[in-house]
């Protein structure tokens, strides 16, 4: 197994670690700074999430630069990303930090795009590389989730809800990039229209 694929597997392994940190029935305590109280397990989860997100950036960069792209990587990398983001958003929704409709929009888009990619491959098509709107979506999702878990520190001191702003950007680009991807691949549905 090459290095990019090992990073992808590591990211997948971090997902149950992330879940464990958030669900273990142990009082980790809190950190309070300038009247902002952050549960320690949320901080640890944010760090786990950040490390996992970093592996997402690194595995693709290494795979492309060293010509180590594999079918396993093409399959597992986007799956790992989706599992990580969806897991983090479900927990944020259960903690009443992210509205359920936002999580639903992101989950529905991810499932729809995954289904579309499957159809494209089955029809001997070339799956399109991520375009800029999709990259903006991913970037804003990852950073939104991180800042929401640490309750917008240090930006909360300036009254700037960075996590919320990035989440709105993520939702907007989730919708836009999903529509764009379907539009660019509408030929897949030509036999039924």
Protein backbone atom coordinates (compact mmCIF):
# COMPACT_ATOMS: atom_id res chain seq x y z
CA UNK A 1 0.00 0.00 0.00
CA UNK A 2 1.45 3.35 -1.01
CA UNK A 3 1.73 6.43 1.22
CA UNK A 4 -1.37 8.28 -0.05
CA UNK A 5 -3.51 5.19 0.50
CA UNK A 6 -2.05 4.75 3.99
CA UNK A 7 -3.02 8.34 4.76
CA UNK A 8 -6.55 7.66 3.51
CA UNK A 9 -6.82 4.53 5.68
CA UNK A 10 -5.47 6.53 8.62
CA UNK A 11 -8.21 9.13 8.03
CA UNK A 12 -10.84 6.38 8.04
CA UNK A 13 -9.40 5.00 11.31
CA UNK A 14 -9.60 8.48 12.86
CA UNK A 15 -13.38 8.55 12.35
CA UNK A 16 -14.14 6.02 15.13
CA UNK A 17 -11.56 7.81 17.29
CA UNK A 18 -13.46 11.06 16.68
CA UNK A 19 -16.74 9.33 17.61
CA UNK A 20 -15.19 7.77 20.72
CA UNK A 21 -13.86 11.12 21.94
CA UNK A 22 -17.32 12.68 21.64
CA UNK A 23 -19.29 9.80 23.15
CA UNK A 24 -17.15 8.29 25.91
CA UNK A 25 -19.08 8.65 29.17
CA UNK A 26 -16.31 10.50 30.96
CA UNK A 27 -16.22 14.08 32.14
CA UNK A 28 -13.24 15.58 30.37
CA UNK A 29 -13.91 18.96 31.94
CA UNK A 30 -14.06 22.31 30.20
CA UNK A 31 -11.78 25.12 29.19
CA UNK A 32 -13.06 28.62 29.89
CA UNK A 33 -11.52 31.67 28.33
CA UNK A 34 -13.13 35.12 28.26
CA UNK A 35 -16.56 33.63 29.16
CA UNK A 36 -16.40 31.02 26.39
CA UNK A 37 -16.75 27.50 27.75
CA UNK A 38 -15.50 24.70 25.52
CA UNK A 39 -15.74 21.04 26.56
CA UNK A 40 -12.28 19.46 26.48
CA UNK A 41 -13.58 16.49 24.48
CA UNK A 42 -14.76 18.94 21.80
CA UNK A 43 -11.25 20.40 21.63
CA UNK A 44 -9.75 16.91 21.32
CA UNK A 45 -12.36 16.03 18.67
CA UNK A 46 -11.47 19.24 16.78
CA UNK A 47 -7.80 18.24 16.83
CA UNK A 48 -8.62 14.73 15.58
CA UNK A 49 -10.80 16.27 12.87
CA UNK A 50 -8.03 18.71 11.88
CA UNK A 51 -5.46 15.90 11.61
CA UNK A 52 -7.88 13.83 9.52
CA UNK A 53 -8.59 16.85 7.30
CA UNK A 54 -4.88 17.43 6.83
CA UNK A 55 -4.47 13.85 5.60
CA UNK A 56 -7.16 14.61 3.02
CA UNK A 57 -5.04 17.43 1.63
CA UNK A 58 -1.81 15.43 1.80
CA UNK A 59 -2.95 12.12 0.29
CA UNK A 60 -4.21 13.71 -2.91
CA UNK A 61 -1.24 16.03 -3.26
CA UNK A 62 1.26 13.18 -2.78
CA UNK A 63 -0.66 10.81 -5.06
CA UNK A 64 -0.75 13.31 -7.92
CA UNK A 65 2.81 14.62 -7.54
CA UNK A 66 4.37 11.15 -7.28
CA UNK A 67 2.03 9.47 -9.78
CA UNK A 68 0.67 7.15 -7.10
CA UNK A 69 -3.01 7.42 -8.05
CA UNK A 70 -4.74 4.05 -7.57
CA UNK A 71 -8.28 2.73 -7.93
CA UNK A 72 -8.34 2.19 -4.18
CA UNK A 73 -7.45 5.85 -3.65
CA UNK A 74 -10.05 7.02 -6.16
CA UNK A 75 -12.66 5.06 -4.23
CA UNK A 76 -11.53 5.41 -0.61
CA UNK A 77 -10.39 9.05 -0.55
CA UNK A 78 -13.75 10.68 -1.37
CA UNK A 79 -15.54 8.10 0.77
CA UNK A 80 -13.31 8.89 3.75
CA UNK A 81 -13.96 12.62 3.27
CA UNK A 82 -17.70 12.15 3.17
CA UNK A 83 -17.73 9.86 6.22
CA UNK A 84 -15.60 12.29 8.21
CA UNK A 85 -17.65 15.39 7.36
CA UNK A 86 -21.03 13.68 7.75
CA UNK A 87 -20.03 12.20 11.11
CA UNK A 88 -18.83 15.58 12.40
CA UNK A 89 -21.99 17.33 11.19
CA UNK A 90 -24.32 14.72 12.71
CA UNK A 91 -22.68 15.25 16.09
CA UNK A 92 -22.84 19.05 15.73
CA UNK A 93 -26.53 18.69 14.90
CA UNK A 94 -27.11 16.46 17.92
CA UNK A 95 -25.37 19.10 20.05
CA UNK A 96 -27.75 21.76 18.61
CA UNK A 97 -24.88 23.67 17.01
CA UNK A 98 -25.77 23.05 13.36
CA UNK A 99 -29.39 23.13 12.14
CA UNK A 100 -30.61 19.73 10.94
CA UNK A 101 -31.60 21.13 7.53
CA UNK A 102 -28.01 22.19 6.85
CA UNK A 103 -26.70 18.74 7.70
CA UNK A 104 -29.45 17.20 5.57
CA UNK A 105 -28.57 19.37 2.55
CA UNK A 106 -24.90 18.38 2.80
CA UNK A 107 -25.64 14.66 3.33
CA UNK A 108 -28.16 14.54 0.46
CA UNK A 109 -25.74 16.26 -1.91
CA UNK A 110 -22.89 13.92 -0.96
CA UNK A 111 -25.05 10.83 -1.47
CA UNK A 112 -26.40 12.14 -4.77
CA UNK A 113 -22.93 12.92 -6.12
CA UNK A 114 -21.64 9.52 -5.01
CA UNK A 115 -24.52 7.87 -6.87
CA UNK A 116 -23.86 9.99 -9.95
CA UNK A 117 -20.16 9.09 -9.92
CA UNK A 118 -21.14 5.42 -9.78
CA UNK A 119 -23.38 5.86 -12.83
CA UNK A 120 -20.63 7.67 -14.71
CA UNK A 121 -18.14 4.86 -14.06
CA UNK A 122 -20.71 2.20 -15.01
CA UNK A 123 -21.26 4.02 -18.31
CA UNK A 124 -17.51 3.97 -19.00
CA UNK A 125 -17.31 7.66 -18.37
CA UNK A 126 -14.53 9.68 -16.87
CA UNK A 127 -15.30 10.99 -13.39
CA UNK A 128 -14.56 14.69 -13.40
CA UNK A 129 -11.87 15.96 -11.08
CA UNK A 130 -13.05 18.32 -8.38
CA UNK A 131 -13.74 21.76 -9.75
CA UNK A 132 -13.22 25.02 -7.84
CA UNK A 133 -16.78 25.16 -6.40
CA UNK A 134 -16.30 21.66 -4.96
CA UNK A 135 -12.94 22.64 -3.52
CA UNK A 136 -14.45 25.74 -1.90
CA UNK A 137 -17.22 23.52 -0.48
CA UNK A 138 -14.70 21.11 1.02
CA UNK A 139 -12.44 23.84 2.39
CA UNK A 140 -15.32 25.75 3.98
CA UNK A 141 -16.85 22.55 5.42
CA UNK A 142 -13.61 21.44 7.02
CA UNK A 143 -12.82 24.83 8.56
CA UNK A 144 -16.45 25.45 9.61
CA UNK A 145 -16.55 22.15 11.45
CA UNK A 146 -13.22 22.79 13.17
CA UNK A 147 -14.24 26.28 14.36
CA UNK A 148 -17.69 25.12 15.47
CA UNK A 149 -16.12 22.45 17.68
CA UNK A 150 -13.85 25.01 19.32
CA UNK A 151 -16.74 27.51 19.57
CA UNK A 152 -15.17 29.99 17.15
CA UNK A 153 -12.08 30.63 19.23
CA UNK A 154 -10.27 33.01 18.89
CA UNK A 155 -12.70 34.88 16.59
CA UNK A 156 -15.49 34.88 19.18
CA UNK A 157 -13.59 37.65 21.01
CA UNK A 158 -14.18 39.92 18.02
CA UNK A 159 -17.83 38.93 17.67
CA UNK A 160 -17.03 37.13 14.43
CA UNK A 161 -18.88 33.79 14.06
CA UNK A 162 -16.33 32.29 11.65
CA UNK A 163 -17.70 28.76 11.99
CA UNK A 164 -21.23 29.89 11.15
CA UNK A 165 -20.08 32.04 8.23
CA UNK A 166 -18.01 29.19 6.79
CA UNK A 167 -20.90 26.78 7.27
CA UNK A 168 -23.20 29.06 5.26
CA UNK A 169 -20.53 29.28 2.55
CA UNK A 170 -20.27 25.48 2.64
CA UNK A 171 -24.03 25.04 2.25
CA UNK A 172 -24.20 27.51 -0.63
CA UNK A 173 -21.29 25.82 -2.43
CA UNK A 174 -22.69 22.39 -1.57
CA UNK A 175 -25.85 23.25 -3.48
CA UNK A 176 -24.08 25.08 -6.30
CA UNK A 177 -21.37 22.45 -6.86
CA UNK A 178 -23.94 19.65 -6.71
CA UNK A 179 -26.11 21.29 -9.37
CA UNK A 180 -23.02 22.07 -11.46
CA UNK A 181 -21.76 18.47 -11.25
CA UNK A 182 -25.14 17.08 -12.28
CA UNK A 183 -25.38 19.58 -15.13
CA UNK A 184 -21.91 18.71 -16.45
CA UNK A 185 -22.81 15.02 -16.35
CA UNK A 186 -26.42 15.19 -17.55
CA UNK A 187 -25.56 12.87 -20.46
CA UNK A 188 -25.67 9.96 -17.99
CA UNK A 189 -29.46 10.37 -17.85
CA UNK A 190 -29.98 10.81 -21.60
CA UNK A 191 -31.39 7.30 -22.05
CA UNK A 192 -34.30 8.04 -19.72
CA UNK A 193 -35.28 11.41 -21.14
